[in-house]
Amino acid sequence: MYRYFSFILFLFLLLSGKVQAQKSVSAQIFAEVIQGVAATENQPLNFGRFITGTAGGSITISPDGQRLTRGEIIAEEGNYTSGQFLMEGDAGSTFSIKLPNEKAVLTHQESGKTMYVSEWISNLPLSNVAALNEGLCLIKIGATLNVGTVYENPVGVYTGSFEITFSYN
């Protein structure tokens, strides 16, 4: 009887198809390619026109475009602007910027003498992280120009460049 009952149970389990040693399941995989980060300079950082004295000083441009002089610097009329960059990318994503760690050098076009730009600041929160609302964000950059004496920094035009890095978080 035991063998008969075992045989019936074996047939029942075999024919029911519900007991299996392994089972394969199909699963889905997803990936999404998003727009890469793009940044363009809309407006250069410009400290404007000024006169320096015997002791030099500094000029600071804030991200909102305000100009402040210190020391023996006399600000003159004319254009001065914060640097402005348009950041483009995936709408709703967050990004960060890395401002320069080092001083930027401005060089006199005729004499080769230099001035230095430092103390970089942006209009973003202290963390330098922001969101791309509708895929766009305007970033404004300010800094301080350190000016020497008239001998160290003769009259003329000084030019230079700086680099900032934009990246998704």
C-alpha atoms as a PDB file:
ATOM      1  CA  MET A   1       0.000   0.000   0.000  1.00  0.00           C
ATOM      2  CA  TYR A   2       2.849   2.364   0.828  1.00  0.00           C
ATOM      3  CA  ARG A   3       4.335   1.793  -2.648  1.00  0.00           C
ATOM      4  CA  TYR A   4       0.982   2.321  -4.289  1.00  0.00           C
ATOM      5  CA  PHE A   5       0.438   5.603  -2.362  1.00  0.00           C
ATOM      6  CA  SER A   6       4.003   6.779  -3.197  1.00  0.00           C
ATOM      7  CA  PHE A   7       3.435   5.952  -6.875  1.00  0.00           C
ATOM      8  CA  ILE A   8       0.144   7.914  -6.950  1.00  0.00           C
ATOM      9  CA  LEU A   9       1.802  10.893  -5.227  1.00  0.00           C
ATOM     10  CA  PHE A  10       4.684  10.768  -7.687  1.00  0.00           C
ATOM     11  CA  LEU A  11       2.286  10.723 -10.661  1.00  0.00           C
ATOM     12  CA  PHE A  12       0.252  13.559  -9.179  1.00  0.00           C
ATOM     13  CA  LEU A  13       3.320  15.754  -8.717  1.00  0.00           C
ATOM     14  CA  LEU A  14       4.689  14.844 -12.128  1.00  0.00           C
ATOM     15  CA  LEU A  15       1.479  15.614 -13.948  1.00  0.00           C
ATOM     16  CA  SER A  16       0.589  18.766 -12.030  1.00  0.00           C
ATOM     17  CA  GLY A  17       3.581  20.629 -13.495  1.00  0.00           C
ATOM     18  CA  LYS A  18       3.809  22.923 -10.486  1.00  0.00           C
ATOM     19  CA  VAL A  19       6.963  21.543  -8.939  1.00  0.00           C
ATOM     20  CA  GLN A  20      10.123  22.443 -10.811  1.00  0.00           C
ATOM     21  CA  ALA A  21      13.774  22.380  -9.926  1.00  0.00           C
ATOM     22  CA  GLN A  22      14.427  25.684 -11.720  1.00  0.00           C
ATOM     23  CA  LYS A  23      12.499  28.476 -13.369  1.00  0.00           C
ATOM     24  CA  SER A  24      13.622  31.123 -15.895  1.00  0.00           C
ATOM     25  CA  VAL A  25      12.129  34.598 -15.772  1.00  0.00           C
ATOM     26  CA  SER A  26      12.453  37.311 -18.393  1.00  0.00           C
ATOM     27  CA  ALA A  27      13.376  40.759 -16.951  1.00  0.00           C
ATOM     28  CA  GLN A  28      13.609  44.209 -18.514  1.00  0.00           C
ATOM     29  CA  ILE A  29      16.596  46.547 -18.818  1.00  0.00           C
ATOM     30  CA  PHE A  30      16.455  50.319 -19.304  1.00  0.00           C
ATOM     31  CA  ALA A  31      18.954  53.045 -20.207  1.00  0.00           C
ATOM     32  CA  GLU A  32      18.541  56.703 -21.152  1.00  0.00           C
ATOM     33  CA  VAL A  33      21.003  58.924 -22.963  1.00  0.00           C
ATOM     34  CA  ILE A  34      20.654  62.565 -21.883  1.00  0.00           C
ATOM     35  CA  GLN A  35      21.931  65.793 -23.366  1.00  0.00           C
ATOM     36  CA  GLY A  36      25.556  66.508 -22.530  1.00  0.00           C
ATOM     37  CA  VAL A  37      26.610  69.581 -20.587  1.00  0.00           C
ATOM     38  CA  ALA A  38      27.198  72.677 -22.703  1.00  0.00           C
ATOM     39  CA  ALA A  39      28.359  76.086 -21.509  1.00  0.00           C
ATOM     40  CA  THR A  40      28.979  79.225 -23.508  1.00  0.00           C
ATOM     41  CA  GLU A  41      30.463  82.542 -22.412  1.00  0.00           C
ATOM     42  CA  ASN A  42      27.791  85.219 -22.866  1.00  0.00           C
ATOM     43  CA  GLN A  43      29.798  88.078 -21.380  1.00  0.00           C
ATOM     44  CA  PRO A  44      33.490  88.377 -20.422  1.00  0.00           C
ATOM     45  CA  LEU A  45      34.633  89.370 -16.940  1.00  0.00           C
ATOM     46  CA  ASN A  46      35.634  93.032 -17.370  1.00  0.00           C
ATOM     47  CA  PHE A  47      37.090  95.183 -14.576  1.00  0.00           C
ATOM     48  CA  GLY A  48      36.677  98.324 -16.676  1.00  0.00           C
ATOM     49  CA  ARG A  49      38.803 101.455 -16.800  1.00  0.00           C
ATOM     50  CA  PHE A  50      40.646 102.828 -13.759  1.00  0.00           C
ATOM     51  CA  ILE A  51      43.611 104.859 -12.575  1.00  0.00           C
ATOM     52  CA  THR A  52      46.204 103.409 -10.190  1.00  0.00           C
ATOM     53  CA  GLY A  53      48.324 105.426  -7.771  1.00  0.00           C
ATOM     54  CA  THR A  54      51.669 104.958  -6.043  1.00  0.00           C
ATOM     55  CA  ALA A  55      50.438 102.160  -3.768  1.00  0.00           C
ATOM     56  CA  GLY A  56      48.131 100.137  -6.050  1.00  0.00           C
ATOM     57  CA  GLY A  57      45.043  98.362  -4.735  1.00  0.00           C
ATOM     58  CA  SER A  58      42.283  96.095  -5.996  1.00  0.00           C
ATOM     59  CA  ILE A  59      39.028  96.091  -7.905  1.00  0.00           C
ATOM     60  CA  THR A  60      36.262  93.595  -7.141  1.00  0.00           C
ATOM     61  CA  ILE A  61      33.410  92.794  -9.504  1.00  0.00           C
ATOM     62  CA  SER A  62      30.548  90.948  -7.790  1.00  0.00           C
ATOM     63  CA  PRO A  63      28.499  88.311  -9.628  1.00  0.00           C
ATOM     64  CA  ASP A  64      25.663  90.830  -9.946  1.00  0.00           C
ATOM     65  CA  GLY A  65      28.039  93.296 -11.657  1.00  0.00           C
ATOM     66  CA  GLN A  66      28.768  95.759  -8.847  1.00  0.00           C
ATOM     67  CA  ARG A  67      32.301  97.236  -8.781  1.00  0.00           C
ATOM     68  CA  LEU A  68      34.228  98.066  -5.597  1.00  0.00           C
ATOM     69  CA  THR A  69      37.722  99.589  -5.431  1.00  0.00           C
ATOM     70  CA  ARG A  70      40.245  99.430  -2.569  1.00  0.00           C
ATOM     71  CA  GLY A  71      43.554 101.213  -2.050  1.00  0.00           C
ATOM     72  CA  GLU A  72      44.743 103.872  -4.492  1.00  0.00           C
ATOM     73  CA  ILE A  73      42.446 102.899  -7.345  1.00  0.00           C
ATOM     74  CA  ILE A  74      40.118 105.428  -8.965  1.00  0.00           C
ATOM     75  CA  ALA A  75      37.324 103.861 -11.008  1.00  0.00           C
ATOM     76  CA  GLU A  76      36.546 105.646 -14.276  1.00  0.00           C
ATOM     77  CA  GLU A  77      33.366 105.707 -16.347  1.00  0.00           C
ATOM     78  CA  GLY A  78      32.852 102.943 -18.875  1.00  0.00           C
ATOM     79  CA  ASN A  79      31.869  99.323 -19.120  1.00  0.00           C
ATOM     80  CA  TYR A  80      32.595  96.797 -16.398  1.00  0.00           C
ATOM     81  CA  THR A  81      30.790  93.472 -16.113  1.00  0.00           C
ATOM     82  CA  SER A  82      30.716  90.180 -14.292  1.00  0.00           C
ATOM     83  CA  GLY A  83      31.464  87.131 -16.418  1.00  0.00           C
ATOM     84  CA  GLN A  84      28.320  85.368 -17.601  1.00  0.00           C
ATOM     85  CA  PHE A  85      27.920  81.810 -18.865  1.00  0.00           C
ATOM     86  CA  LEU A  86      24.840  80.030 -20.167  1.00  0.00           C
ATOM     87  CA  MET A  87      24.723  76.418 -19.008  1.00  0.00           C
ATOM     88  CA  GLU A  88      22.591  73.989 -21.029  1.00  0.00           C
ATOM     89  CA  GLY A  89      21.734  70.384 -20.279  1.00  0.00           C
ATOM     90  CA  ASP A  90      19.084  67.887 -19.255  1.00  0.00           C
ATOM     91  CA  ALA A  91      16.038  69.706 -17.812  1.00  0.00           C
ATOM     92  CA  GLY A  92      15.701  69.256 -14.055  1.00  0.00           C
ATOM     93  CA  SER A  93      19.201  67.864 -13.584  1.00  0.00           C
ATOM     94  CA  THR A  94      21.563  69.400 -11.072  1.00  0.00           C
ATOM     95  CA  PHE A  95      25.063  70.498 -11.919  1.00  0.00           C
ATOM     96  CA  SER A  96      28.041  72.025 -10.187  1.00  0.00           C
ATOM     97  CA  ILE A  97      30.770  74.411 -11.199  1.00  0.00           C
ATOM     98  CA  LYS A  98      34.387  74.426 -10.166  1.00  0.00           C
ATOM     99  CA  LEU A  99      35.846  77.908 -10.006  1.00  0.00           C
ATOM    100  CA  PRO A 100      39.577  78.473 -10.544  1.00  0.00           C
ATOM    101  CA  ASN A 101      41.797  77.492  -7.614  1.00  0.00           C
ATOM    102  CA  GLU A 102      44.679  79.572  -8.870  1.00  0.00           C
ATOM    103  CA  LYS A 103      45.145  83.186  -9.807  1.00  0.00           C
ATOM    104  CA  ALA A 104      44.540  84.164 -13.426  1.00  0.00           C
ATOM    105  CA  VAL A 105      47.229  86.308 -15.026  1.00  0.00           C
ATOM    106  CA  LEU A 106      46.431  89.439 -17.051  1.00  0.00           C
ATOM    107  CA  THR A 107      49.338  90.564 -19.217  1.00  0.00           C
ATOM    108  CA  HIS A 108      50.017  94.085 -20.521  1.00  0.00           C
ATOM    109  CA  GLN A 109      49.957  93.884 -24.312  1.00  0.00           C
ATOM    110  CA  GLU A 110      53.073  96.045 -24.793  1.00  0.00           C
ATOM    111  CA  SER A 111      55.318  95.679 -21.709  1.00  0.00           C
ATOM    112  CA  GLY A 112      54.464  92.122 -20.649  1.00  0.00           C
ATOM    113  CA  LYS A 113      53.885  93.265 -17.039  1.00  0.00           C
ATOM    114  CA  THR A 114      51.135  91.421 -15.170  1.00  0.00           C
ATOM    115  CA  MET A 115      48.180  91.747 -12.804  1.00  0.00           C
ATOM    116  CA  TYR A 116      46.482  88.873 -11.001  1.00  0.00           C
ATOM    117  CA  VAL A 117      42.814  87.907 -10.617  1.00  0.00           C
ATOM    118  CA  SER A 118      41.761  85.875  -7.582  1.00  0.00           C
ATOM    119  CA  GLU A 119      38.930  85.390  -5.061  1.00  0.00           C
ATOM    120  CA  TRP A 120      36.507  83.882  -7.586  1.00  0.00           C
ATOM    121  CA  ILE A 121      32.816  83.841  -6.712  1.00  0.00           C
ATOM    122  CA  SER A 122      29.596  82.871  -8.506  1.00  0.00           C
ATOM    123  CA  ASN A 123      25.911  83.683  -8.128  1.00  0.00           C
ATOM    124  CA  LEU A 124      25.214  80.046  -7.208  1.00  0.00           C
ATOM    125  CA  PRO A 125      24.801  78.951  -3.570  1.00  0.00           C
ATOM    126  CA  LEU A 126      27.996  78.351  -1.568  1.00  0.00           C
ATOM    127  CA  SER A 127      27.985  74.716  -2.658  1.00  0.00           C
ATOM    128  CA  ASN A 128      28.203  75.900  -6.317  1.00  0.00           C
ATOM    129  CA  VAL A 129      25.364  73.470  -7.144  1.00  0.00           C
ATOM    130  CA  ALA A 130      22.210  74.443  -9.054  1.00  0.00           C
ATOM    131  CA  ALA A 131      19.388  72.935 -11.133  1.00  0.00           C
ATOM    132  CA  LEU A 132      18.854  73.252 -14.847  1.00  0.00           C
ATOM    133  CA  ASN A 133      15.304  74.611 -14.867  1.00  0.00           C
ATOM    134  CA  GLU A 134      13.920  73.975 -18.351  1.00  0.00           C
ATOM    135  CA  GLY A 135      17.449  72.852 -19.297  1.00  0.00           C
ATOM    136  CA  LEU A 136      19.086  76.288 -18.846  1.00  0.00           C
ATOM    137  CA  CYS A 137      20.880  78.269 -16.140  1.00  0.00           C
ATOM    138  CA  LEU A 138      22.708  81.609 -16.274  1.00  0.00           C
ATOM    139  CA  ILE A 139      25.851  81.636 -14.137  1.00  0.00           C
ATOM    140  CA  LYS A 140      27.513  84.918 -13.186  1.00  0.00           C
ATOM    141  CA  ILE A 141      31.153  85.045 -12.074  1.00  0.00           C
ATOM    142  CA  GLY A 142      32.888  87.779 -10.100  1.00  0.00           C
ATOM    143  CA  ALA A 143      36.474  88.127  -8.860  1.00  0.00           C
ATOM    144  CA  THR A 144      39.114  90.544  -7.546  1.00  0.00           C
ATOM    145  CA  LEU A 145      41.802  92.164  -9.691  1.00  0.00           C
ATOM    146  CA  ASN A 146      45.001  92.944  -7.778  1.00  0.00           C
ATOM    147  CA  VAL A 147      46.649  96.070  -9.206  1.00  0.00           C
ATOM    148  CA  GLY A 148      50.197  97.231  -8.534  1.00  0.00           C
ATOM    149  CA  THR A 149      51.671 100.723  -8.728  1.00  0.00           C
ATOM    150  CA  VAL A 150      51.865 102.761 -11.936  1.00  0.00           C
ATOM    151  CA  TYR A 151      55.419 101.438 -12.422  1.00  0.00           C
ATOM    152  CA  GLU A 152      54.338  97.799 -11.872  1.00  0.00           C
ATOM    153  CA  ASN A 153      51.236  98.192 -14.028  1.00  0.00           C
ATOM    154  CA  PRO A 154      51.747 100.850 -16.706  1.00  0.00           C
ATOM    155  CA  VAL A 155      48.891 102.408 -18.658  1.00  0.00           C
ATOM    156  CA  GLY A 156      47.438 100.103 -21.329  1.00  0.00           C
ATOM    157  CA  VAL A 157      45.241  97.085 -21.955  1.00  0.00           C
ATOM    158  CA  TYR A 158      45.731  93.848 -19.982  1.00  0.00           C
ATOM    159  CA  THR A 159      44.259  90.547 -21.150  1.00  0.00           C
ATOM    160  CA  GLY A 160      44.105  87.001 -19.856  1.00  0.00           C
ATOM    161  CA  SER A 161      41.816  84.018 -19.462  1.00  0.00           C
ATOM    162  CA  PHE A 162      40.481  81.650 -16.835  1.00  0.00           C
ATOM    163  CA  GLU A 163      38.831  78.253 -16.822  1.00  0.00           C
ATOM    164  CA  ILE A 164      35.777  76.991 -14.955  1.00  0.00           C
ATOM    165  CA  THR A 165      34.411  73.477 -15.091  1.00  0.00           C
ATOM    166  CA  PHE A 166      30.712  72.563 -15.376  1.00  0.00           C
ATOM    167  CA  SER A 167      29.568  69.015 -14.583  1.00  0.00           C
ATOM    168  CA  TYR A 168      26.419  67.032 -13.814  1.00  0.00           C
ATOM    169  CA  ASN A 169      25.987  65.791 -10.248  1.00  0.00           C
END
